[in-house]
Amino acid sequence: VCEGSKVFAPQCGCYTTMQPFSSVTFHFRTQLCDDDRTVIDDSKVVGTPMEIVIGNMFKLDIWETLLSSMRIGEVAEFWCDTMHTGIYPIVSKSMRRIAEGKDPVDWHIHTCGMANMFAYHSLGYDDLDELMKEPKPLYFVLELLKVRKPSEYNRESWALSDEERLKAVPVLHGQGNKLYKQGHYQEATQKYKEAIICIKNVQTKEKAWEVPWMKLEKMANTLTLNYCQCLLRMEEFYEVIEHTSDIVNQHPGVVKAFYLRGKAHMEVWNEAEARQDFSKVLDLDPGMKKAIKRELAVLNMRMEEKKQEDRDKESPLITIRTVPTITTTGHSAV
């Protein structure tokens, strides 16, 4: 259950009808119900307000209900029990990663993320892990800034209907491939990310690991690997390792993921990891023998260069000093 207590309601504020697909912009602050009212998240501290689309599978759906009861410009505080706050840690993780500048390939705020939870057992933030293990009632302080009807804004991919999203995926995929071939890697990553967001938003409505879900998962993995190819060209090697590891941890038979991760490991001098990934590629697809032989030759060359570079750094500087000659005259010092 949620209980609300109004904090501030300006006279100029007015109620507005929030029809499906209305865009709602607001600030929020989330606090524990302890003596210190510990702040978990605060959009004003981050500096960017939150935006959701009504009726668009936002996982913390209680916020839609609360915002619908408010006026434009109003600030209101609500207490919500664990029935409504259990999913909050997952939503918070997505919001934090976006605020940190980490990509929405780590999935958009309108996605569930539960599959990743089962795989890793951690959200990557200690306070959120604690909340996930032991859900607690929370205070939400909301400030409603703006409401726009669907006709009043250009909807981004996450604001589309499921049918519109699935139609957009092959178009975005094709645009990304074209940009990649033209060498416009940064622009290509944006197309691939947008397509992935479309897929993941639809996928949240399917039951994990069943056929429809797996079909969408395969599409998302293909796009993620294309995204990683762009990152390799952009020399973002550690991000490639992160995304490809996500894939192989859940789908250990994806050859391209091991191949790209091996190439990324090679670029950051992780010789053992690179060899292990290239070996796995051959186990899964012996037809890659020629390509792997070529990569191993490059790896050997790069590691030899690295060893020589390290030897050069470790070699002591040899300096020749002239030692003055001391002539003994046989006289004792006075």
C-alpha atoms as a PDB file:
ATOM      1  CA  VAL A   1       0.000   0.000   0.000  1.00  0.00           C
ATOM      2  CA  CYS A   2       1.105   3.614  -0.567  1.00  0.00           C
ATOM      3  CA  GLU A   3       0.294   6.615   1.575  1.00  0.00           C
ATOM      4  CA  GLY A   4       0.793  10.184   0.340  1.00  0.00           C
ATOM      5  CA  SER A   5       1.387  13.437   2.167  1.00  0.00           C
ATOM      6  CA  LYS A   6       1.568  16.639   0.147  1.00  0.00           C
ATOM      7  CA  VAL A   7       4.690  18.681   0.716  1.00  0.00           C
ATOM      8  CA  PHE A   8       4.086  21.606  -1.618  1.00  0.00           C
ATOM      9  CA  ALA A   9       1.327  22.400  -4.130  1.00  0.00           C
ATOM     10  CA  PRO A  10       1.565  25.796  -5.889  1.00  0.00           C
ATOM     11  CA  GLN A  11      -1.674  27.580  -6.776  1.00  0.00           C
ATOM     12  CA  CYS A  12      -0.725  27.717 -10.467  1.00  0.00           C
ATOM     13  CA  GLY A  13      -0.494  23.956 -10.707  1.00  0.00           C
ATOM     14  CA  CYS A  14      -3.209  22.096 -12.572  1.00  0.00           C
ATOM     15  CA  TYR A  15      -4.176  18.472 -12.936  1.00  0.00           C
ATOM     16  CA  THR A  16      -3.643  16.965 -16.369  1.00  0.00           C
ATOM     17  CA  THR A  17      -4.993  13.782 -17.907  1.00  0.00           C
ATOM     18  CA  MET A  18      -2.208  11.276 -18.465  1.00  0.00           C
ATOM     19  CA  GLN A  19      -3.366   9.217 -21.419  1.00  0.00           C
ATOM     20  CA  PRO A  20      -1.431   6.157 -22.624  1.00  0.00           C
ATOM     21  CA  PHE A  21       1.997   7.053 -24.064  1.00  0.00           C
ATOM     22  CA  SER A  22       2.004  10.491 -22.434  1.00  0.00           C
ATOM     23  CA  SER A  23       5.560  11.559 -21.593  1.00  0.00           C
ATOM     24  CA  VAL A  24       6.002  12.502 -17.921  1.00  0.00           C
ATOM     25  CA  THR A  25       9.075  14.386 -16.683  1.00  0.00           C
ATOM     26  CA  PHE A  26       9.754  14.606 -12.952  1.00  0.00           C
ATOM     27  CA  HIS A  27      12.392  14.702 -10.234  1.00  0.00           C
ATOM     28  CA  PHE A  28      12.488  12.003  -7.576  1.00  0.00           C
ATOM     29  CA  ARG A  29      14.231  11.276  -4.301  1.00  0.00           C
ATOM     30  CA  THR A  30      14.181   7.813  -2.745  1.00  0.00           C
ATOM     31  CA  GLN A  31      14.767   7.409   0.993  1.00  0.00           C
ATOM     32  CA  LEU A  32      14.858   4.602   3.514  1.00  0.00           C
ATOM     33  CA  CYS A  33      12.367   4.632   6.376  1.00  0.00           C
ATOM     34  CA  ASP A  34      15.125   4.828   8.988  1.00  0.00           C
ATOM     35  CA  ASP A  35      15.775   7.544  11.571  1.00  0.00           C
ATOM     36  CA  ASP A  36      18.162   9.347   9.216  1.00  0.00           C
ATOM     37  CA  ARG A  37      15.853   9.059   6.210  1.00  0.00           C
ATOM     38  CA  THR A  38      18.899   7.796   4.274  1.00  0.00           C
ATOM     39  CA  VAL A  39      18.831   8.931   0.641  1.00  0.00           C
ATOM     40  CA  ILE A  40      19.288   6.114  -1.871  1.00  0.00           C
ATOM     41  CA  ASP A  41      18.843   8.099  -5.093  1.00  0.00           C
ATOM     42  CA  ASP A  42      18.196  11.752  -5.917  1.00  0.00           C
ATOM     43  CA  SER A  43      17.732  12.934  -9.507  1.00  0.00           C
ATOM     44  CA  LYS A  44      18.443  16.544  -8.508  1.00  0.00           C
ATOM     45  CA  VAL A  45      21.893  15.537  -7.281  1.00  0.00           C
ATOM     46  CA  VAL A  46      22.522  13.803 -10.604  1.00  0.00           C
ATOM     47  CA  GLY A  47      21.226  16.925 -12.349  1.00  0.00           C
ATOM     48  CA  THR A  48      18.849  15.229 -14.776  1.00  0.00           C
ATOM     49  CA  PRO A  49      15.106  14.694 -14.262  1.00  0.00           C
ATOM     50  CA  MET A  50      13.478  11.357 -14.934  1.00  0.00           C
ATOM     51  CA  GLU A  51      11.228  10.743 -17.929  1.00  0.00           C
ATOM     52  CA  ILE A  52       8.823   7.841 -18.346  1.00  0.00           C
ATOM     53  CA  VAL A  53       6.012   7.044 -20.762  1.00  0.00           C
ATOM     54  CA  ILE A  54       2.653   6.152 -19.227  1.00  0.00           C
ATOM     55  CA  GLY A  55       1.513   2.596 -19.954  1.00  0.00           C
ATOM     56  CA  ASN A  56       4.856   1.617 -21.445  1.00  0.00           C
ATOM     57  CA  MET A  57       5.882  -1.196 -19.090  1.00  0.00           C
ATOM     58  CA  PHE A  58       7.953   0.959 -16.742  1.00  0.00           C
ATOM     59  CA  LYS A  59       8.856  -1.595 -14.102  1.00  0.00           C
ATOM     60  CA  LEU A  60       8.114   0.611 -11.098  1.00  0.00           C
ATOM     61  CA  ASP A  61       4.500   1.043 -12.160  1.00  0.00           C
ATOM     62  CA  ILE A  62       3.475   2.528  -8.813  1.00  0.00           C
ATOM     63  CA  TRP A  63       5.204   5.745  -9.920  1.00  0.00           C
ATOM     64  CA  GLU A  64       2.714   6.049 -12.791  1.00  0.00           C
ATOM     65  CA  THR A  65      -0.151   5.858 -10.292  1.00  0.00           C
ATOM     66  CA  LEU A  66       1.428   8.384  -7.926  1.00  0.00           C
ATOM     67  CA  LEU A  67       2.312  10.875 -10.664  1.00  0.00           C
ATOM     68  CA  SER A  68      -1.208  10.640 -12.091  1.00  0.00           C
ATOM     69  CA  SER A  69      -2.543  11.999  -8.788  1.00  0.00           C
ATOM     70  CA  MET A  70      -0.340  15.112  -8.881  1.00  0.00           C
ATOM     71  CA  ARG A  71      -0.494  18.605 -10.367  1.00  0.00           C
ATOM     72  CA  ILE A  72       2.147  20.141 -12.615  1.00  0.00           C
ATOM     73  CA  GLY A  73       4.766  21.766 -10.370  1.00  0.00           C
ATOM     74  CA  GLU A  74       3.626  19.919  -7.267  1.00  0.00           C
ATOM     75  CA  VAL A  75       6.010  18.144  -4.883  1.00  0.00           C
ATOM     76  CA  ALA A  76       4.584  15.202  -2.959  1.00  0.00           C
ATOM     77  CA  GLU A  77       5.954  12.579  -0.627  1.00  0.00           C
ATOM     78  CA  PHE A  78       4.688   8.994  -0.613  1.00  0.00           C
ATOM     79  CA  TRP A  79       5.382   6.045   1.659  1.00  0.00           C
ATOM     80  CA  CYS A  80       5.213   2.687  -0.142  1.00  0.00           C
ATOM     81  CA  ASP A  81       5.441  -0.802   1.323  1.00  0.00           C
ATOM     82  CA  THR A  82       7.483  -3.707  -0.034  1.00  0.00           C
ATOM     83  CA  MET A  83       4.682  -4.838  -2.342  1.00  0.00           C
ATOM     84  CA  HIS A  84       5.566  -1.857  -4.522  1.00  0.00           C
ATOM     85  CA  THR A  85       9.272  -1.389  -3.746  1.00  0.00           C
ATOM     86  CA  GLY A  86      10.626  -4.908  -4.323  1.00  0.00           C
ATOM     87  CA  ILE A  87      11.609  -4.115  -7.915  1.00  0.00           C
ATOM     88  CA  TYR A  88      13.185  -0.750  -7.035  1.00  0.00           C
ATOM     89  CA  PRO A  89      16.827  -1.975  -6.825  1.00  0.00           C
ATOM     90  CA  ILE A  90      16.720  -3.169 -10.448  1.00  0.00           C
ATOM     91  CA  VAL A  91      15.219   0.117 -11.641  1.00  0.00           C
ATOM     92  CA  SER A  92      17.764   2.052  -9.578  1.00  0.00           C
ATOM     93  CA  LYS A  93      20.658   0.123 -11.116  1.00  0.00           C
ATOM     94  CA  SER A  94      19.575   1.133 -14.619  1.00  0.00           C
ATOM     95  CA  MET A  95      19.145   4.773 -13.603  1.00  0.00           C
ATOM     96  CA  ARG A  96      22.552   4.878 -11.935  1.00  0.00           C
ATOM     97  CA  ARG A  97      24.363   3.352 -14.897  1.00  0.00           C
ATOM     98  CA  ILE A  98      22.761   5.835 -17.270  1.00  0.00           C
ATOM     99  CA  ALA A  99      23.747   8.690 -14.929  1.00  0.00           C
ATOM    100  CA  GLU A 100      27.319   7.338 -14.864  1.00  0.00           C
ATOM    101  CA  GLY A 101      27.433   7.527 -18.640  1.00  0.00           C
ATOM    102  CA  LYS A 102      27.314   3.760 -19.067  1.00  0.00           C
ATOM    103  CA  ASP A 103      25.449   2.575 -22.020  1.00  0.00           C
ATOM    104  CA  PRO A 104      21.833   1.574 -22.356  1.00  0.00           C
ATOM    105  CA  VAL A 105      23.124  -1.650 -23.881  1.00  0.00           C
ATOM    106  CA  ASP A 106      23.288  -2.486 -20.207  1.00  0.00           C
ATOM    107  CA  TRP A 107      19.607  -2.118 -20.940  1.00  0.00           C
ATOM    108  CA  HIS A 108      17.200   0.694 -20.778  1.00  0.00           C
ATOM    109  CA  ILE A 109      15.364   1.693 -17.664  1.00  0.00           C
ATOM    110  CA  HIS A 110      12.150   0.227 -19.079  1.00  0.00           C
ATOM    111  CA  THR A 111      13.628  -3.307 -19.091  1.00  0.00           C
ATOM    112  CA  CYS A 112      13.542  -5.873 -16.365  1.00  0.00           C
ATOM    113  CA  GLY A 113      17.088  -7.119 -15.931  1.00  0.00           C
ATOM    114  CA  MET A 114      15.992 -10.203 -13.991  1.00  0.00           C
ATOM    115  CA  ALA A 115      17.922 -12.567 -16.282  1.00  0.00           C
ATOM    116  CA  ASN A 116      21.124 -10.750 -15.385  1.00  0.00           C
ATOM    117  CA  MET A 117      20.209 -10.998 -11.713  1.00  0.00           C
ATOM    118  CA  PHE A 118      19.979 -14.791 -11.949  1.00  0.00           C
ATOM    119  CA  ALA A 119      23.333 -14.911 -13.731  1.00  0.00           C
ATOM    120  CA  TYR A 120      25.341 -12.660 -11.426  1.00  0.00           C
ATOM    121  CA  HIS A 121      23.498 -12.538  -8.080  1.00  0.00           C
ATOM    122  CA  SER A 122      24.611  -8.931  -7.734  1.00  0.00           C
ATOM    123  CA  LEU A 123      23.491  -5.562  -9.045  1.00  0.00           C
ATOM    124  CA  GLY A 124      26.947  -4.054  -8.707  1.00  0.00           C
ATOM    125  CA  TYR A 125      25.976  -1.679  -5.887  1.00  0.00           C
ATOM    126  CA  ASP A 126      26.186  -2.801  -2.252  1.00  0.00           C
ATOM    127  CA  ASP A 127      23.191  -0.773  -1.062  1.00  0.00           C
ATOM    128  CA  LEU A 128      20.997  -2.121  -3.871  1.00  0.00           C
ATOM    129  CA  ASP A 129      22.143  -5.698  -3.244  1.00  0.00           C
ATOM    130  CA  GLU A 130      21.105  -5.231   0.379  1.00  0.00           C
ATOM    131  CA  LEU A 131      17.675  -3.947  -0.683  1.00  0.00           C
ATOM    132  CA  MET A 132      17.309  -6.841  -3.103  1.00  0.00           C
ATOM    133  CA  LYS A 133      18.029  -9.388  -0.380  1.00  0.00           C
ATOM    134  CA  GLU A 134      15.773  -7.684   2.133  1.00  0.00           C
ATOM    135  CA  PRO A 135      13.124  -5.421   0.521  1.00  0.00           C
ATOM    136  CA  LYS A 136      12.054  -2.477   2.670  1.00  0.00           C
ATOM    137  CA  PRO A 137       9.340   0.193   2.581  1.00  0.00           C
ATOM    138  CA  LEU A 138      10.580   3.383   0.932  1.00  0.00           C
ATOM    139  CA  TYR A 139       9.720   7.057   0.791  1.00  0.00           C
ATOM    140  CA  PHE A 140       9.413   8.581  -2.690  1.00  0.00           C
ATOM    141  CA  VAL A 141       9.484  12.365  -2.991  1.00  0.00           C
ATOM    142  CA  LEU A 142       8.213  13.268  -6.469  1.00  0.00           C
ATOM    143  CA  GLU A 143       8.154  16.638  -8.231  1.00  0.00           C
ATOM    144  CA  LEU A 144       6.018  16.676 -11.376  1.00  0.00           C
ATOM    145  CA  LEU A 145       7.643  18.966 -13.961  1.00  0.00           C
ATOM    146  CA  LYS A 146       5.967  18.323 -17.293  1.00  0.00           C
ATOM    147  CA  VAL A 147       3.395  16.150 -19.064  1.00  0.00           C
ATOM    148  CA  ARG A 148       3.292  15.827 -22.859  1.00  0.00           C
ATOM    149  CA  LYS A 149       0.669  14.060 -24.943  1.00  0.00           C
ATOM    150  CA  PRO A 150       1.885  11.496 -27.513  1.00  0.00           C
ATOM    151  CA  SER A 151       1.251  14.021 -30.315  1.00  0.00           C
ATOM    152  CA  GLU A 152       3.426  16.652 -28.608  1.00  0.00           C
ATOM    153  CA  TYR A 153       6.815  14.915 -28.784  1.00  0.00           C
ATOM    154  CA  ASN A 154       8.875  12.651 -31.003  1.00  0.00           C
ATOM    155  CA  ARG A 155       8.874   9.258 -29.387  1.00  0.00           C
ATOM    156  CA  GLU A 156      12.225   7.553 -28.945  1.00  0.00           C
ATOM    157  CA  SER A 157      12.515   3.808 -29.474  1.00  0.00           C
ATOM    158  CA  TRP A 158      11.700   2.993 -25.845  1.00  0.00           C
ATOM    159  CA  ALA A 159       8.422   4.926 -26.150  1.00  0.00           C
ATOM    160  CA  LEU A 160       7.122   2.958 -29.145  1.00  0.00           C
ATOM    161  CA  SER A 161       4.531   0.198 -29.071  1.00  0.00           C
ATOM    162  CA  ASP A 162       5.852  -3.375 -29.265  1.00  0.00           C
ATOM    163  CA  GLU A 163       4.780  -3.699 -32.886  1.00  0.00           C
ATOM    164  CA  GLU A 164       6.547  -0.445 -33.777  1.00  0.00           C
ATOM    165  CA  ARG A 165       9.685  -1.565 -31.950  1.00  0.00           C
ATOM    166  CA  LEU A 166       9.941  -4.881 -33.776  1.00  0.00           C
ATOM    167  CA  LYS A 167       9.431  -3.153 -37.112  1.00  0.00           C
ATOM    168  CA  ALA A 168      12.185  -0.676 -36.244  1.00  0.00           C
ATOM    169  CA  VAL A 169      14.797  -3.338 -35.386  1.00  0.00           C
ATOM    170  CA  PRO A 170      15.768  -4.503 -38.920  1.00  0.00           C
ATOM    171  CA  VAL A 171      15.787  -0.892 -40.137  1.00  0.00           C
ATOM    172  CA  LEU A 172      18.149   0.192 -37.339  1.00  0.00           C
ATOM    173  CA  HIS A 173      20.246  -2.948 -37.843  1.00  0.00           C
ATOM    174  CA  GLY A 174      20.672  -2.161 -41.529  1.00  0.00           C
ATOM    175  CA  GLN A 175      21.516   1.471 -40.831  1.00  0.00           C
ATOM    176  CA  GLY A 176      24.137   0.373 -38.299  1.00  0.00           C
ATOM    177  CA  ASN A 177      25.728  -2.050 -40.766  1.00  0.00           C
ATOM    178  CA  LYS A 178      25.905   0.638 -43.447  1.00  0.00           C
ATOM    179  CA  LEU A 179      27.541   3.115 -41.066  1.00  0.00           C
ATOM    180  CA  TYR A 180      30.030   0.442 -39.962  1.00  0.00           C
ATOM    181  CA  LYS A 181      31.076  -0.262 -43.540  1.00  0.00           C
ATOM    182  CA  GLN A 182      31.546   3.476 -44.075  1.00  0.00           C
ATOM    183  CA  GLY A 183      33.813   3.648 -41.040  1.00  0.00           C
ATOM    184  CA  HIS A 184      31.374   5.720 -38.962  1.00  0.00           C
ATOM    185  CA  TYR A 185      31.717   3.526 -35.891  1.00  0.00           C
ATOM    186  CA  GLN A 186      30.362   5.919 -33.260  1.00  0.00           C
ATOM    187  CA  GLU A 187      27.202   6.547 -35.295  1.00  0.00           C
ATOM    188  CA  ALA A 188      26.828   2.807 -35.915  1.00  0.00           C
ATOM    189  CA  THR A 189      26.910   2.081 -32.172  1.00  0.00           C
ATOM    190  CA  GLN A 190      23.958   4.430 -31.672  1.00  0.00           C
ATOM    191  CA  LYS A 191      21.871   2.519 -34.231  1.00  0.00           C
ATOM    192  CA  TYR A 192      22.765  -0.842 -32.726  1.00  0.00           C
ATOM    193  CA  LYS A 193      22.003   0.372 -29.192  1.00  0.00           C
ATOM    194  CA  GLU A 194      18.625   1.735 -30.247  1.00  0.00           C
ATOM    195  CA  ALA A 195      17.743  -1.596 -31.874  1.00  0.00           C
ATOM    196  CA  ILE A 196      18.815  -3.485 -28.744  1.00  0.00           C
ATOM    197  CA  ILE A 197      16.628  -1.259 -26.576  1.00  0.00           C
ATOM    198  CA  CYS A 198      13.644  -2.029 -28.821  1.00  0.00           C
ATOM    199  CA  ILE A 199      14.223  -5.770 -28.473  1.00  0.00           C
ATOM    200  CA  LYS A 200      14.812  -5.726 -24.728  1.00  0.00           C
ATOM    201  CA  ASN A 201      11.647  -3.761 -24.061  1.00  0.00           C
ATOM    202  CA  VAL A 202       9.589  -6.348 -25.948  1.00  0.00           C
ATOM    203  CA  GLN A 203      11.508  -9.216 -24.344  1.00  0.00           C
ATOM    204  CA  THR A 204      10.542  -8.190 -20.802  1.00  0.00           C
ATOM    205  CA  LYS A 205       6.973  -9.234 -21.565  1.00  0.00           C
ATOM    206  CA  GLU A 206       8.002 -12.781 -22.506  1.00  0.00           C
ATOM    207  CA  LYS A 207       8.774 -15.603 -20.084  1.00  0.00           C
ATOM    208  CA  ALA A 208      12.534 -16.011 -19.715  1.00  0.00           C
ATOM    209  CA  TRP A 209      14.153 -18.875 -21.659  1.00  0.00           C
ATOM    210  CA  GLU A 210      10.992 -19.867 -23.523  1.00  0.00           C
ATOM    211  CA  VAL A 211      10.963 -19.860 -27.347  1.00  0.00           C
ATOM    212  CA  PRO A 212       9.709 -16.279 -27.974  1.00  0.00           C
ATOM    213  CA  TRP A 213      12.146 -14.927 -25.366  1.00  0.00           C
ATOM    214  CA  MET A 214      15.062 -16.903 -26.821  1.00  0.00           C
ATOM    215  CA  LYS A 215      14.287 -15.670 -30.331  1.00  0.00           C
ATOM    216  CA  LEU A 216      14.523 -12.078 -29.119  1.00  0.00           C
ATOM    217  CA  GLU A 217      17.642 -12.911 -27.091  1.00  0.00           C
ATOM    218  CA  LYS A 218      19.375 -14.199 -30.215  1.00  0.00           C
ATOM    219  CA  MET A 219      18.492 -10.998 -32.079  1.00  0.00           C
ATOM    220  CA  ALA A 220      19.811  -8.880 -29.200  1.00  0.00           C
ATOM    221  CA  ASN A 221      23.062 -10.869 -29.009  1.00  0.00           C
ATOM    222  CA  THR A 222      23.673 -10.412 -32.734  1.00  0.00           C
ATOM    223  CA  LEU A 223      23.265  -6.653 -32.383  1.00  0.00           C
ATOM    224  CA  THR A 224      25.403  -6.533 -29.238  1.00  0.00           C
ATOM    225  CA  LEU A 225      28.227  -8.306 -31.056  1.00  0.00           C
ATOM    226  CA  ASN A 226      27.957  -5.832 -33.938  1.00  0.00           C
ATOM    227  CA  TYR A 227      28.146  -3.093 -31.328  1.00  0.00           C
ATOM    228  CA  CYS A 228      31.291  -4.744 -29.930  1.00  0.00           C
ATOM    229  CA  GLN A 229      32.884  -4.801 -33.379  1.00  0.00           C
ATOM    230  CA  CYS A 230      32.475  -1.031 -33.465  1.00  0.00           C
ATOM    231  CA  LEU A 231      33.999  -0.760 -29.993  1.00  0.00           C
ATOM    232  CA  LEU A 232      37.029  -2.753 -31.155  1.00  0.00           C
ATOM    233  CA  ARG A 233      37.560  -0.241 -33.943  1.00  0.00           C
ATOM    234  CA  MET A 234      37.161   2.560 -31.402  1.00  0.00           C
ATOM    235  CA  GLU A 235      39.742   0.855 -29.125  1.00  0.00           C
ATOM    236  CA  GLU A 236      37.237   0.454 -26.278  1.00  0.00           C
ATOM    237  CA  PHE A 237      38.685  -2.953 -25.470  1.00  0.00           C
ATOM    238  CA  TYR A 238      37.584  -3.343 -21.855  1.00  0.00           C
ATOM    239  CA  GLU A 239      33.974  -2.566 -22.762  1.00  0.00           C
ATOM    240  CA  VAL A 240      34.159  -5.268 -25.444  1.00  0.00           C
ATOM    241  CA  ILE A 241      35.371  -7.733 -22.814  1.00  0.00           C
ATOM    242  CA  GLU A 242      32.503  -6.743 -20.522  1.00  0.00           C
ATOM    243  CA  HIS A 243      29.719  -7.154 -23.103  1.00  0.00           C
ATOM    244  CA  THR A 244      31.057 -10.362 -24.674  1.00  0.00           C
ATOM    245  CA  SER A 245      31.516 -11.873 -21.207  1.00  0.00           C
ATOM    246  CA  ASP A 246      27.865 -11.090 -20.462  1.00  0.00           C
ATOM    247  CA  ILE A 247      26.901 -13.092 -23.543  1.00  0.00           C
ATOM    248  CA  VAL A 248      29.152 -16.132 -23.030  1.00  0.00           C
ATOM    249  CA  ASN A 249      28.193 -16.377 -19.355  1.00  0.00           C
ATOM    250  CA  GLN A 250      24.577 -16.940 -20.373  1.00  0.00           C
ATOM    251  CA  HIS A 251      25.103 -18.452 -23.823  1.00  0.00           C
ATOM    252  CA  PRO A 252      28.427 -20.367 -23.862  1.00  0.00           C
ATOM    253  CA  GLY A 253      27.989 -21.517 -27.455  1.00  0.00           C
ATOM    254  CA  VAL A 254      28.185 -18.108 -29.171  1.00  0.00           C
ATOM    255  CA  VAL A 255      31.373 -18.375 -31.260  1.00  0.00           C
ATOM    256  CA  LYS A 256      31.576 -14.724 -32.276  1.00  0.00           C
ATOM    257  CA  ALA A 257      31.474 -13.603 -28.641  1.00  0.00           C
ATOM    258  CA  PHE A 258      34.566 -15.676 -27.802  1.00  0.00           C
ATOM    259  CA  TYR A 259      36.295 -14.487 -30.975  1.00  0.00           C
ATOM    260  CA  LEU A 260      35.720 -10.789 -30.283  1.00  0.00           C
ATOM    261  CA  ARG A 261      36.627 -11.179 -26.625  1.00  0.00           C
ATOM    262  CA  GLY A 262      39.843 -12.932 -27.636  1.00  0.00           C
ATOM    263  CA  LYS A 263      40.731 -10.027 -29.923  1.00  0.00           C
ATOM    264  CA  ALA A 264      40.012  -7.539 -27.137  1.00  0.00           C
ATOM    265  CA  HIS A 265      42.142  -9.498 -24.657  1.00  0.00           C
ATOM    266  CA  MET A 266      44.955  -9.541 -27.205  1.00  0.00           C
ATOM    267  CA  GLU A 267      44.848  -5.738 -27.476  1.00  0.00           C
ATOM    268  CA  VAL A 268      45.278  -5.277 -23.719  1.00  0.00           C
ATOM    269  CA  TRP A 269      48.078  -7.877 -23.403  1.00  0.00           C
ATOM    270  CA  ASN A 270      45.949 -10.547 -21.692  1.00  0.00           C
ATOM    271  CA  GLU A 271      47.805 -13.372 -23.435  1.00  0.00           C
ATOM    272  CA  ALA A 272      46.428 -16.333 -21.471  1.00  0.00           C
ATOM    273  CA  GLU A 273      42.829 -15.104 -21.773  1.00  0.00           C
ATOM    274  CA  ALA A 274      43.213 -14.442 -25.506  1.00  0.00           C
ATOM    275  CA  ARG A 275      44.631 -17.917 -26.151  1.00  0.00           C
ATOM    276  CA  GLN A 276      41.854 -19.488 -24.091  1.00  0.00           C
ATOM    277  CA  ASP A 277      39.149 -17.656 -26.069  1.00  0.00           C
ATOM    278  CA  PHE A 278      40.714 -18.481 -29.442  1.00  0.00           C
ATOM    279  CA  SER A 279      40.977 -22.130 -28.371  1.00  0.00           C
ATOM    280  CA  LYS A 280      37.285 -22.092 -27.451  1.00  0.00           C
ATOM    281  CA  VAL A 281      36.455 -20.692 -30.903  1.00  0.00           C
ATOM    282  CA  LEU A 282      38.190 -23.688 -32.520  1.00  0.00           C
ATOM    283  CA  ASP A 283      36.352 -26.102 -30.222  1.00  0.00           C
ATOM    284  CA  LEU A 284      33.014 -24.607 -31.234  1.00  0.00           C
ATOM    285  CA  ASP A 285      33.796 -24.036 -34.912  1.00  0.00           C
ATOM    286  CA  PRO A 286      36.803 -25.858 -36.451  1.00  0.00           C
ATOM    287  CA  GLY A 287      36.071 -23.974 -39.677  1.00  0.00           C
ATOM    288  CA  MET A 288      37.603 -20.894 -38.025  1.00  0.00           C
ATOM    289  CA  LYS A 289      41.052 -22.546 -38.030  1.00  0.00           C
ATOM    290  CA  LYS A 290      42.575 -20.233 -40.645  1.00  0.00           C
ATOM    291  CA  ALA A 291      41.265 -17.072 -38.960  1.00  0.00           C
ATOM    292  CA  ILE A 292      42.471 -18.226 -35.537  1.00  0.00           C
ATOM    293  CA  LYS A 293      45.895 -19.137 -36.917  1.00  0.00           C
ATOM    294  CA  ARG A 294      46.155 -15.578 -38.217  1.00  0.00           C
ATOM    295  CA  GLU A 295      45.064 -14.104 -34.873  1.00  0.00           C
ATOM    296  CA  LEU A 296      47.555 -16.263 -32.956  1.00  0.00           C
ATOM    297  CA  ALA A 297      50.354 -15.088 -35.235  1.00  0.00           C
ATOM    298  CA  VAL A 298      49.403 -11.490 -34.452  1.00  0.00           C
ATOM    299  CA  LEU A 299      49.198 -12.351 -30.747  1.00  0.00           C
ATOM    300  CA  ASN A 300      52.689 -13.905 -30.789  1.00  0.00           C
ATOM    301  CA  MET A 301      54.093 -10.857 -32.542  1.00  0.00           C
ATOM    302  CA  ARG A 302      52.414  -8.432 -30.148  1.00  0.00           C
ATOM    303  CA  MET A 303      53.549 -10.335 -27.070  1.00  0.00           C
ATOM    304  CA  GLU A 304      57.134 -10.395 -28.364  1.00  0.00           C
ATOM    305  CA  GLU A 305      56.935  -6.646 -28.930  1.00  0.00           C
ATOM    306  CA  LYS A 306      55.583  -6.233 -25.402  1.00  0.00           C
ATOM    307  CA  LYS A 307      58.377  -8.332 -23.904  1.00  0.00           C
ATOM    308  CA  GLN A 308      61.000  -6.327 -25.765  1.00  0.00           C
ATOM    309  CA  GLU A 309      59.351  -3.107 -24.624  1.00  0.00           C
ATOM    310  CA  ASP A 310      59.412  -4.333 -21.021  1.00  0.00           C
ATOM    311  CA  ARG A 311      63.067  -5.361 -21.327  1.00  0.00           C
ATOM    312  CA  ASP A 312      63.946  -1.914 -22.629  1.00  0.00           C
ATOM    313  CA  LYS A 313      62.185  -0.288 -19.681  1.00  0.00           C
ATOM    314  CA  GLU A 314      63.914  -2.541 -17.160  1.00  0.00           C
ATOM    315  CA  SER A 315      67.460  -2.145 -18.577  1.00  0.00           C
ATOM    316  CA  PRO A 316      69.521   0.036 -16.180  1.00  0.00           C
ATOM    317  CA  LEU A 317      71.097   3.135 -17.602  1.00  0.00           C
ATOM    318  CA  ILE A 318      74.820   2.545 -17.849  1.00  0.00           C
ATOM    319  CA  THR A 319      76.890   5.626 -17.188  1.00  0.00           C
ATOM    320  CA  ILE A 320      80.656   5.865 -17.442  1.00  0.00           C
ATOM    321  CA  ARG A 321      82.232   7.982 -14.758  1.00  0.00           C
ATOM    322  CA  THR A 322      85.814   9.223 -14.794  1.00  0.00           C
ATOM    323  CA  VAL A 323      87.451   8.372 -11.483  1.00  0.00           C
ATOM    324  CA  PRO A 324      90.196  10.857 -10.564  1.00  0.00           C
ATOM    325  CA  THR A 325      93.683   9.385 -10.146  1.00  0.00           C
ATOM    326  CA  ILE A 326      95.133   9.761  -6.668  1.00  0.00           C
ATOM    327  CA  THR A 327      98.918  10.101  -6.581  1.00  0.00           C
ATOM    328  CA  THR A 328     100.660   8.912  -3.446  1.00  0.00           C
ATOM    329  CA  THR A 329     103.764  10.931  -2.580  1.00  0.00           C
ATOM    330  CA  GLY A 330     104.813   9.056   0.500  1.00  0.00           C
ATOM    331  CA  HIS A 331     104.328  12.030   2.794  1.00  0.00           C
ATOM    332  CA  SER A 332     102.113  11.695   5.801  1.00  0.00           C
ATOM    333  CA  ALA A 333      99.193  14.007   6.196  1.00  0.00           C
ATOM    334  CA  VAL A 334      99.949  16.855   8.541  1.00  0.00           C
END
